Amino acid sequence: MSDTNIISAGIEAHTQQDCELPPSLAVAPTPHQHELLKFHSAPLSSHLLKITVEVSPTVQQTLREQSLELFRANSLDGFDRNLLPITYIHELYGGEIKNKIKYYVLHHLVIDFIMQEVMARKINLANYPRLATIDMRPDDSIVYHFDVSVADPIELKEWKHFSFKSPKRKKYKDLDKQVVSFMENRGNHAKKQQLNIVEPNDWVLFDATMVTSGRKPVLPELPSSFWIYTGQQHVTGHFVSELFNKSAENSFTTNSFGLRNQDSRIENRQYNFMVTIRAIVKGSHFSVDTFKGTFKLKNKVEIHNKLMEIFSYRNDISQRRAIIEEMFHLLLSKHRFEVPKHLVLRRQEDIVQSLVAQPDYHVYKSHDNFSEYIEMLAEKQLKEEVLVDQIAYNEGMKVEFRDAYQYLHLFSNKKLSEFIYFRPTTESMHDLENPINVSTLAQAVWREKTLNFIIHTLTK
């Protein structure tokens, strides 16, 4: 079979129509957020900002009322909940209620708000914002203090005109057959999937709105949205299992949705939520049209060649990774800058923290040059992120829902995920116990979209 016929066979194997994408989702603060959440920033040094988010007293007052009812409903066995005075519940559980409110507001409102504001104000993040303190003031406002590392601005050169020679693929014929086989298998698998129904290994975008026992929204003007990976049906938690077999725009109430936090003082009582599924990205599903849109591909040959980048390896490095490494080598050689040592040290801490959870951590740590490698990796990551962020701001790159959909379409398949270079800074993508804030994912998608834009510009 000729190369052309091989390519055609692979394309024709995928005949299933792509699911319709919903409208773009907002990745900037809404007017209601600006009414109830206030953003302030002040420089502490040349590379450190103190950012505060002040939450209106209205928010805590509303949440306190709901929390008191929650604790009264789950308090003393044998007592009629309606006979227990609220003042008694407040005295008995006041500390736990305060902590529950603080961390609810942080994970459901503040994290998205601060990341949206950082991107809207074009702040040059050098590391993920680090929460310093939380103050609950006498007037019922809550103030969150963050330490934010920032990088120096870069004077970009005319990088679009740089001469770039893309690393070539291996010319083995069996690699072309592997690409076709991959497309056929993924296409056949897609035919067995229900595109608008949540199944195992899907990514699900949902809104979570706290509601009363009578299903009345508690803070309807401040919705929170998350992405979650459903994983395997037999190993998921109760909340994820509630998502299975539901379709986009389905809603249901649950008290099993809760974000994991690091404070053991938080009571294990769960609020009631109205959960509405907004979108589904199918797991292991290969969509030709989505793939074409991600990389701006025009025809079957370009699709085949792009897939080849993750099948062609040289010295254990895929062609895709080699292209990225060569691209960064070119850009960083033309834009020489240093990252302050304390920013590198901060990133080293984050890298080590992520490695500690891995089973091979002690093997890595026993290596003689472990610390040196971690330092080199931290500096490399920071320089690449700083450069990409500067180009993204300069080019006016925006993140829409379609970009997140395309990103997770790649991430849903182990082989296609080799195209992904930038990942959420502090989140585990396949942590089944904890959903990902939409803004946390949006930052990674924004960088990935910019990376693909740079590669497309230099290689077209």
Protein backbone atom coordinates (compact mmCIF):
# COMPACT_ATOMS: atom_id res chain seq x y z
CA MET A 1 0.00 0.00 0.00
CA SER A 2 1.35 3.45 -0.89
CA ASP A 3 1.92 6.16 1.72
CA THR A 4 -1.03 8.10 0.34
CA ASN A 5 -3.36 5.11 0.64
CA ILE A 6 -2.08 4.42 4.16
CA ILE A 7 -2.93 7.98 5.17
CA SER A 8 -6.37 7.84 3.54
CA ALA A 9 -7.18 4.55 5.25
CA GLY A 10 -6.36 6.06 8.63
CA ILE A 11 -8.46 9.16 8.02
CA GLU A 12 -11.45 7.21 6.76
CA ALA A 13 -11.36 5.01 9.84
CA HIS A 14 -12.66 7.98 11.79
CA THR A 15 -16.13 8.78 10.54
CA GLN A 16 -17.90 9.70 13.75
CA GLN A 17 -19.06 13.28 13.95
CA ASP A 18 -17.48 15.43 16.65
CA CYS A 19 -19.64 16.55 19.53
CA GLU A 20 -20.83 20.13 19.37
CA LEU A 21 -18.76 22.51 21.45
CA PRO A 22 -20.51 24.88 23.86
CA PRO A 23 -19.85 28.64 23.70
CA SER A 24 -16.59 30.05 25.01
CA LEU A 25 -16.36 30.13 28.78
CA ALA A 26 -15.35 33.28 30.63
CA VAL A 27 -11.77 33.24 31.87
CA ALA A 28 -11.89 36.82 33.18
CA PRO A 29 -13.59 38.08 36.35
CA THR A 30 -17.32 38.80 36.05
CA PRO A 31 -18.95 42.06 37.26
CA HIS A 32 -20.41 40.19 40.25
CA GLN A 33 -16.95 38.95 41.20
CA HIS A 34 -15.61 42.50 41.11
CA GLU A 35 -18.47 43.60 43.36
CA LEU A 36 -17.75 40.98 46.02
CA LEU A 37 -14.03 40.33 45.56
CA LYS A 38 -11.38 43.07 45.54
CA PHE A 39 -7.88 42.60 44.14
CA HIS A 40 -4.91 44.62 45.43
CA SER A 41 -1.21 44.30 44.69
CA ALA A 42 1.87 46.01 46.11
CA PRO A 43 5.55 45.38 45.35
CA LEU A 44 7.61 44.05 48.25
CA SER A 45 10.79 43.87 46.17
CA SER A 46 11.84 43.84 42.53
CA HIS A 47 10.68 40.22 42.14
CA LEU A 48 7.97 39.85 44.78
CA LEU A 49 4.41 41.14 44.93
CA LYS A 50 2.07 41.06 47.88
CA ILE A 51 -1.37 40.35 46.44
CA THR A 52 -4.48 40.49 48.58
CA VAL A 53 -8.00 39.42 47.73
CA GLU A 54 -10.63 40.98 49.98
CA VAL A 55 -13.95 39.15 50.13
CA SER A 56 -17.10 41.13 50.92
CA PRO A 57 -18.71 40.61 54.36
CA THR A 58 -21.86 39.55 52.51
CA VAL A 59 -20.14 36.35 51.41
CA GLN A 60 -19.10 35.25 54.89
CA GLN A 61 -22.45 36.22 56.40
CA THR A 62 -24.30 34.14 53.82
CA LEU A 63 -21.96 31.17 54.19
CA ARG A 64 -22.07 31.36 58.00
CA GLU A 65 -25.85 31.07 57.98
CA GLN A 66 -25.69 28.04 55.69
CA SER A 67 -22.87 26.48 57.71
CA LEU A 68 -24.74 26.84 60.99
CA GLU A 69 -27.67 25.00 59.44
CA LEU A 70 -25.30 22.32 58.13
CA PHE A 71 -23.75 21.76 61.55
CA ARG A 72 -27.12 21.81 63.30
CA ALA A 73 -28.43 19.14 60.92
CA ASN A 74 -25.44 16.90 61.68
CA SER A 75 -24.88 17.53 65.36
CA LEU A 76 -26.18 15.65 68.39
CA ASP A 77 -27.87 12.31 67.82
CA GLY A 78 -31.22 11.95 69.55
CA PHE A 79 -32.00 15.66 69.54
CA ASP A 80 -34.51 17.39 67.33
CA ARG A 81 -32.41 19.62 65.08
CA ASN A 82 -35.08 22.32 65.19
CA LEU A 83 -34.82 22.51 69.00
CA LEU A 84 -31.09 23.23 68.99
CA PRO A 85 -30.55 27.00 69.11
CA ILE A 86 -28.22 28.50 66.53
CA THR A 87 -26.27 30.25 69.30
CA TYR A 88 -25.45 26.87 70.82
CA ILE A 89 -24.25 25.52 67.46
CA HIS A 90 -22.12 28.64 67.00
CA GLU A 91 -20.51 28.24 70.42
CA LEU A 92 -19.89 24.53 69.92
CA TYR A 93 -18.63 24.59 66.32
CA GLY A 94 -17.59 28.23 65.77
CA GLY A 95 -13.93 27.42 65.04
CA GLU A 96 -14.73 24.59 62.63
CA ILE A 97 -17.28 26.74 60.82
CA LYS A 98 -14.76 29.58 60.35
CA ASN A 99 -12.20 27.19 58.89
CA LYS A 100 -14.76 25.61 56.60
CA ILE A 101 -15.81 29.02 55.28
CA LYS A 102 -12.19 30.16 54.77
CA TYR A 103 -11.27 27.15 52.70
CA TYR A 104 -14.53 27.04 50.78
CA VAL A 105 -14.02 30.65 49.65
CA LEU A 106 -10.37 29.96 48.82
CA HIS A 107 -10.98 26.91 46.62
CA HIS A 108 -14.30 27.91 45.07
CA LEU A 109 -13.80 31.65 44.57
CA VAL A 110 -10.37 33.11 45.31
CA ILE A 111 -8.11 30.75 43.34
CA ASP A 112 -10.00 31.38 40.08
CA PHE A 113 -10.31 35.10 40.80
CA ILE A 114 -6.62 35.70 41.49
CA MET A 115 -5.46 33.73 38.43
CA GLN A 116 -7.94 35.56 36.21
CA GLU A 117 -6.76 38.93 37.54
CA VAL A 118 -3.09 38.02 37.15
CA MET A 119 -3.60 37.17 33.48
CA ALA A 120 -5.88 40.15 32.84
CA ARG A 121 -3.27 42.52 34.35
CA LYS A 122 -0.42 40.81 32.44
CA ILE A 123 1.58 40.09 35.59
CA ASN A 124 4.73 38.12 34.78
CA LEU A 125 4.35 35.17 37.12
CA ALA A 126 7.56 33.32 37.92
CA ASN A 127 5.89 30.79 40.19
CA TYR A 128 2.39 29.87 41.27
CA PRO A 129 0.91 32.33 43.85
CA ARG A 130 1.67 31.13 47.38
CA LEU A 131 -0.94 31.66 50.08
CA ALA A 132 0.65 33.41 53.09
CA THR A 133 -2.19 34.16 55.52
CA ILE A 134 -5.98 34.38 55.78
CA ASP A 135 -7.54 37.09 57.95
CA MET A 136 -11.17 36.99 59.08
CA ARG A 137 -11.88 40.57 60.14
CA PRO A 138 -14.43 41.81 62.70
CA ASP A 139 -16.55 43.34 59.92
CA ASP A 140 -16.95 39.80 58.43
CA SER A 141 -14.70 40.46 55.43
CA ILE A 142 -12.07 37.82 54.66
CA VAL A 143 -8.66 38.84 53.34
CA TYR A 144 -6.34 36.39 51.58
CA HIS A 145 -2.67 37.36 51.37
CA PHE A 146 -0.50 35.84 48.64
CA ASP A 147 3.22 36.10 47.94
CA VAL A 148 3.67 36.23 44.18
CA SER A 149 7.06 35.88 42.50
CA VAL A 150 7.39 37.94 39.32
CA ALA A 151 9.94 37.95 36.54
CA ASP A 152 11.61 40.87 34.81
CA PRO A 153 10.04 41.84 31.48
CA ILE A 154 11.88 40.71 28.36
CA GLU A 155 12.48 42.93 25.35
CA LEU A 156 11.32 40.59 22.61
CA LYS A 157 13.14 40.58 19.30
CA GLU A 158 11.64 39.83 15.91
CA TRP A 159 11.44 36.14 16.77
CA LYS A 160 8.96 35.38 13.97
CA HIS A 161 11.75 35.89 11.47
CA PHE A 162 14.31 33.66 13.18
CA SER A 163 15.65 30.85 11.02
CA PHE A 164 14.49 27.56 12.50
CA LYS A 165 15.30 24.10 11.19
CA SER A 166 12.90 21.54 12.55
CA PRO A 167 14.35 18.14 13.56
CA LYS A 168 13.42 15.49 11.00
CA ARG A 169 11.49 12.28 11.55
CA LYS A 170 12.83 8.77 11.20
CA LYS A 171 12.10 7.33 7.76
CA TYR A 172 11.10 3.83 8.82
CA LYS A 173 8.05 2.54 6.92
CA ASP A 174 6.70 0.74 9.97
CA LEU A 175 6.27 4.11 11.68
CA ASP A 176 3.72 5.11 9.03
CA LYS A 177 1.88 1.85 9.69
CA GLN A 178 1.91 2.57 13.43
CA VAL A 179 0.29 5.94 12.82
CA VAL A 180 -2.43 4.39 10.66
CA SER A 181 -2.99 1.62 13.19
CA PHE A 182 -3.34 4.18 15.95
CA MET A 183 -5.95 6.14 14.01
CA GLU A 184 -7.88 3.02 13.10
CA ASN A 185 -7.93 1.72 16.67
CA ARG A 186 -8.89 5.09 18.15
CA GLY A 187 -11.52 5.57 15.45
CA ASN A 188 -13.06 2.16 16.13
CA HIS A 189 -13.00 2.85 19.85
CA ALA A 190 -14.73 6.20 19.31
CA LYS A 191 -17.62 4.47 17.51
CA LYS A 192 -18.35 2.54 20.71
CA GLN A 193 -18.49 5.69 22.84
CA GLN A 194 -21.53 7.80 23.61
CA LEU A 195 -20.19 11.25 22.86
CA ASN A 196 -22.65 13.17 25.02
CA ILE A 197 -22.68 10.76 27.99
CA VAL A 198 -20.13 10.71 30.84
CA GLU A 199 -18.17 7.45 30.76
CA PRO A 200 -14.95 6.24 32.42
CA ASN A 201 -11.77 8.13 31.47
CA ASP A 202 -13.60 11.26 30.36
CA TRP A 203 -12.91 14.85 31.38
CA VAL A 204 -15.99 16.65 32.67
CA LEU A 205 -16.51 20.39 33.07
CA PHE A 206 -19.14 21.21 35.68
CA ASP A 207 -20.55 24.08 37.70
CA ALA A 208 -20.94 23.58 41.45
CA THR A 209 -23.38 25.91 43.20
CA MET A 210 -23.97 25.59 46.94
CA VAL A 211 -27.66 25.16 47.70
CA THR A 212 -29.86 25.02 50.80
CA SER A 213 -31.75 21.89 51.83
CA GLY A 214 -34.58 23.31 49.73
CA ARG A 215 -32.26 23.54 46.68
CA LYS A 216 -32.11 27.32 46.73
CA PRO A 217 -28.72 28.70 45.52
CA VAL A 218 -26.71 30.23 48.36
CA LEU A 219 -24.39 32.45 46.28
CA PRO A 220 -25.89 32.38 42.78
CA GLU A 221 -23.86 35.41 41.68
CA LEU A 222 -20.58 33.60 42.43
CA PRO A 223 -20.62 30.28 40.57
CA SER A 224 -17.60 27.99 40.67
CA SER A 225 -16.52 25.68 37.86
CA PHE A 226 -14.12 22.76 37.75
CA TRP A 227 -12.71 20.08 35.50
CA ILE A 228 -12.51 16.52 36.79
CA TYR A 229 -11.13 13.30 35.34
CA THR A 230 -13.54 10.40 35.82
CA GLY A 231 -11.00 7.57 35.75
CA GLN A 232 -11.99 3.92 35.92
CA GLN A 233 -15.56 3.33 37.07
CA HIS A 234 -14.67 0.70 39.68
CA VAL A 235 -12.06 2.82 41.50
CA THR A 236 -13.67 6.27 41.59
CA GLY A 237 -15.07 8.08 44.60
CA HIS A 238 -18.75 8.60 45.23
CA PHE A 239 -18.97 12.04 43.57
CA VAL A 240 -17.37 10.88 40.32
CA SER A 241 -19.64 7.84 40.23
CA GLU A 242 -22.61 10.23 40.30
CA LEU A 243 -21.39 11.77 37.03
CA PHE A 244 -21.46 8.52 35.07
CA ASN A 245 -24.23 8.10 32.46
CA LYS A 246 -25.25 11.74 32.71
CA SER A 247 -25.15 14.08 29.71
CA ALA A 248 -24.16 17.69 29.14
CA GLU A 249 -26.54 20.18 30.81
CA ASN A 250 -27.83 17.53 33.24
CA SER A 251 -28.08 18.80 36.83
CA PHE A 252 -28.27 16.97 40.13
CA THR A 253 -27.89 17.73 43.84
CA THR A 254 -25.22 16.07 45.93
CA ASN A 255 -23.48 16.36 49.28
CA SER A 256 -20.55 14.19 48.21
CA PHE A 257 -18.68 16.95 46.37
CA GLY A 258 -15.88 18.41 48.46
CA LEU A 259 -12.43 19.74 47.65
CA ARG A 260 -9.58 18.15 49.53
CA ASN A 261 -7.54 20.54 51.65
CA GLN A 262 -4.53 20.33 53.91
CA ASP A 263 -6.16 21.58 57.12
CA SER A 264 -7.17 18.73 59.44
CA ARG A 265 -9.30 21.13 61.47
CA ILE A 266 -11.92 21.29 58.74
CA GLU A 267 -15.01 19.33 59.73
CA ASN A 268 -15.93 16.50 57.39
CA ARG A 269 -19.49 17.76 56.94
CA GLN A 270 -20.27 18.51 53.30
CA TYR A 271 -22.39 21.31 51.86
CA ASN A 272 -25.17 20.53 49.42
CA PHE A 273 -24.39 21.42 45.80
CA MET A 274 -26.30 21.73 42.59
CA VAL A 275 -23.94 20.28 40.00
CA THR A 276 -24.51 21.04 36.32
CA ILE A 277 -22.44 19.28 33.67
CA ARG A 278 -21.30 21.81 31.08
CA ALA A 279 -19.09 19.77 28.75
CA ILE A 280 -17.56 16.33 28.24
CA VAL A 281 -14.21 15.56 26.63
CA LYS A 282 -14.16 11.91 25.72
CA GLY A 283 -11.39 9.72 27.08
CA SER A 284 -9.25 7.79 24.57
CA HIS A 285 -11.29 9.41 21.80
CA PHE A 286 -9.41 10.56 18.70
CA SER A 287 -11.17 13.30 16.77
CA VAL A 288 -9.58 14.24 13.47
CA ASP A 289 -11.35 17.60 13.38
CA THR A 290 -10.30 18.51 16.92
CA PHE A 291 -6.73 17.43 16.16
CA LYS A 292 -6.70 19.52 12.97
CA GLY A 293 -7.93 22.57 14.85
CA THR A 294 -5.36 22.21 17.61
CA PHE A 295 -2.42 22.38 15.23
CA LYS A 296 -3.98 24.30 12.33
CA LEU A 297 -3.61 21.36 9.91
CA LYS A 298 -5.05 21.58 6.41
CA ASN A 299 -5.06 18.08 4.93
CA LYS A 300 -4.51 14.35 5.48
CA VAL A 301 -0.78 14.51 4.88
CA GLU A 302 -0.30 17.21 7.51
CA ILE A 303 -2.37 15.18 10.01
CA HIS A 304 -0.24 12.12 9.37
CA ASN A 305 3.02 14.07 9.66
CA LYS A 306 1.93 15.73 12.89
CA LEU A 307 1.04 12.38 14.46
CA MET A 308 4.40 11.08 13.32
CA GLU A 309 6.05 13.51 15.75
CA ILE A 310 5.05 11.29 18.69
CA PHE A 311 5.94 8.02 16.95
CA SER A 312 9.37 8.96 15.62
CA TYR A 313 12.07 8.68 18.31
CA ARG A 314 15.79 9.35 18.25
CA ASN A 315 17.89 8.68 21.37
CA ASP A 316 14.73 8.16 23.43
CA ILE A 317 13.45 11.63 22.47
CA SER A 318 10.35 11.99 20.31
CA GLN A 319 10.41 14.28 17.31
CA ARG A 320 7.81 16.44 19.06
CA ARG A 321 10.01 16.91 22.13
CA ALA A 322 13.07 17.50 19.93
CA ILE A 323 11.21 20.26 18.07
CA ILE A 324 10.28 21.94 21.34
CA GLU A 325 13.81 21.67 22.76
CA GLU A 326 15.35 23.11 19.59
CA MET A 327 12.77 25.89 19.50
CA PHE A 328 13.54 26.93 23.08
CA HIS A 329 17.26 26.67 22.43
CA LEU A 330 16.88 29.11 19.53
CA LEU A 331 14.65 31.59 21.37
CA LEU A 332 16.66 31.56 24.59
CA SER A 333 19.92 31.99 22.71
CA LYS A 334 18.48 35.15 21.16
CA HIS A 335 16.88 36.36 24.39
CA ARG A 336 19.52 36.00 27.10
CA PHE A 337 18.32 36.68 30.64
CA GLU A 338 18.83 35.34 34.13
CA VAL A 339 16.25 34.19 36.64
CA PRO A 340 17.00 35.35 40.22
CA LYS A 341 18.33 32.61 42.45
CA HIS A 342 15.51 32.85 45.01
CA LEU A 343 12.94 32.21 42.29
CA VAL A 344 14.85 29.11 41.22
CA LEU A 345 14.96 27.91 44.83
CA ARG A 346 11.21 28.34 45.11
CA ARG A 347 10.66 26.26 41.97
CA GLN A 348 13.07 23.61 43.27
CA GLU A 349 10.83 23.23 46.32
CA ASP A 350 7.80 22.67 44.10
CA ILE A 351 9.62 20.09 41.96
CA VAL A 352 10.86 18.13 44.96
CA GLN A 353 7.41 18.23 46.52
CA SER A 354 5.93 16.70 43.36
CA LEU A 355 8.64 14.00 43.31
CA VAL A 356 8.12 13.00 46.94
CA ALA A 357 4.74 11.48 46.06
CA GLN A 358 6.32 9.22 43.43
CA PRO A 359 7.36 5.67 44.39
CA ASP A 360 10.85 6.12 42.88
CA TYR A 361 11.60 9.31 44.82
CA HIS A 362 14.24 7.72 47.06
CA VAL A 363 15.97 6.27 44.02
CA TYR A 364 16.12 9.73 42.42
CA LYS A 365 17.27 11.35 45.66
CA SER A 366 20.12 8.85 46.13
CA HIS A 367 21.74 10.01 42.88
CA ASP A 368 24.95 11.96 43.51
CA ASN A 369 23.85 14.88 41.33
CA PHE A 370 20.19 14.95 42.40
CA SER A 371 20.27 18.52 43.76
CA GLU A 372 22.18 19.79 40.74
CA TYR A 373 19.68 18.22 38.32
CA ILE A 374 16.74 19.69 40.26
CA GLU A 375 18.32 23.15 40.12
CA MET A 376 18.94 22.86 36.36
CA LEU A 377 15.37 21.69 35.77
CA ALA A 378 13.94 24.52 37.89
CA GLU A 379 15.90 27.17 36.00
CA LYS A 380 14.97 25.61 32.64
CA GLN A 381 11.26 25.53 33.49
CA LEU A 382 11.24 29.12 34.71
CA LYS A 383 13.05 30.51 31.68
CA GLU A 384 10.73 28.70 29.29
CA GLU A 385 7.60 29.81 31.13
CA VAL A 386 8.76 33.43 31.42
CA LEU A 387 9.58 33.57 27.71
CA VAL A 388 6.32 31.93 26.59
CA ASP A 389 4.26 34.16 28.90
CA GLN A 390 5.92 37.28 27.48
CA ILE A 391 5.16 36.18 23.93
CA ALA A 392 1.58 35.29 24.91
CA TYR A 393 1.00 38.75 26.41
CA ASN A 394 2.69 40.43 23.45
CA GLU A 395 0.58 38.49 20.93
CA GLY A 396 -2.65 38.97 22.88
CA MET A 397 -3.22 35.23 23.28
CA LYS A 398 -6.60 34.40 24.80
CA VAL A 399 -8.00 31.16 26.19
CA GLU A 400 -11.44 30.01 25.12
CA PHE A 401 -13.36 26.85 25.85
CA ARG A 402 -12.31 25.32 22.53
CA ASP A 403 -8.65 25.61 23.58
CA ALA A 404 -9.30 23.73 26.83
CA TYR A 405 -11.30 21.12 24.92
CA GLN A 406 -8.45 20.60 22.44
CA TYR A 407 -5.90 20.42 25.26
CA LEU A 408 -7.84 17.76 27.16
CA HIS A 409 -8.58 15.87 23.95
CA LEU A 410 -4.83 15.31 23.70
CA PHE A 411 -4.46 14.61 27.40
CA SER A 412 -7.20 11.96 27.39
CA ASN A 413 -5.08 9.52 25.41
CA LYS A 414 -1.71 8.33 26.73
CA LYS A 415 -0.05 8.53 23.32
CA LEU A 416 -1.55 11.88 22.32
CA SER A 417 -0.60 13.35 25.71
CA GLU A 418 3.01 13.32 24.49
CA PHE A 419 2.06 16.47 22.57
CA ILE A 420 1.42 18.27 25.87
CA TYR A 421 4.37 20.23 27.23
CA PHE A 422 2.92 22.66 29.78
CA ARG A 423 0.82 21.25 32.60
CA PRO A 424 -0.99 22.86 35.53
CA THR A 425 1.67 24.08 37.93
CA THR A 426 0.39 22.69 41.21
CA GLU A 427 -2.23 20.17 40.22
CA SER A 428 -2.04 16.48 39.40
CA MET A 429 -3.96 15.99 36.18
CA HIS A 430 -5.17 12.52 37.12
CA ASP A 431 -5.88 13.14 40.80
CA LEU A 432 -9.29 11.53 41.01
CA GLU A 433 -10.01 12.96 44.44
CA ASN A 434 -9.61 16.63 43.57
CA PRO A 435 -11.10 18.58 40.66
CA ILE A 436 -9.04 21.24 38.91
CA ASN A 437 -10.05 24.90 39.02
CA VAL A 438 -10.86 26.19 35.54
CA SER A 439 -8.33 29.03 35.85
CA THR A 440 -5.53 26.68 36.91
CA LEU A 441 -6.09 24.60 33.80
CA ALA A 442 -6.54 27.77 31.71
CA GLN A 443 -3.02 28.96 32.55
CA ALA A 444 -1.51 25.70 31.24
CA VAL A 445 -3.76 25.80 28.17
CA TRP A 446 -2.75 29.42 27.51
CA ARG A 447 0.93 28.47 27.56
CA GLU A 448 0.37 25.37 25.44
CA LYS A 449 -1.61 27.35 22.88
CA THR A 450 1.20 29.91 22.72
CA LEU A 451 3.81 27.16 22.32
CA ASN A 452 1.91 25.71 19.36
CA PHE A 453 1.54 29.20 17.89
CA ILE A 454 5.32 29.74 18.13
CA ILE A 455 6.11 26.38 16.51
CA HIS A 456 3.54 26.96 13.76
CA THR A 457 4.97 30.42 13.06
CA LEU A 458 8.59 29.24 12.89
CA THR A 459 7.87 26.17 10.74
CA LYS A 460 5.23 27.39 8.28
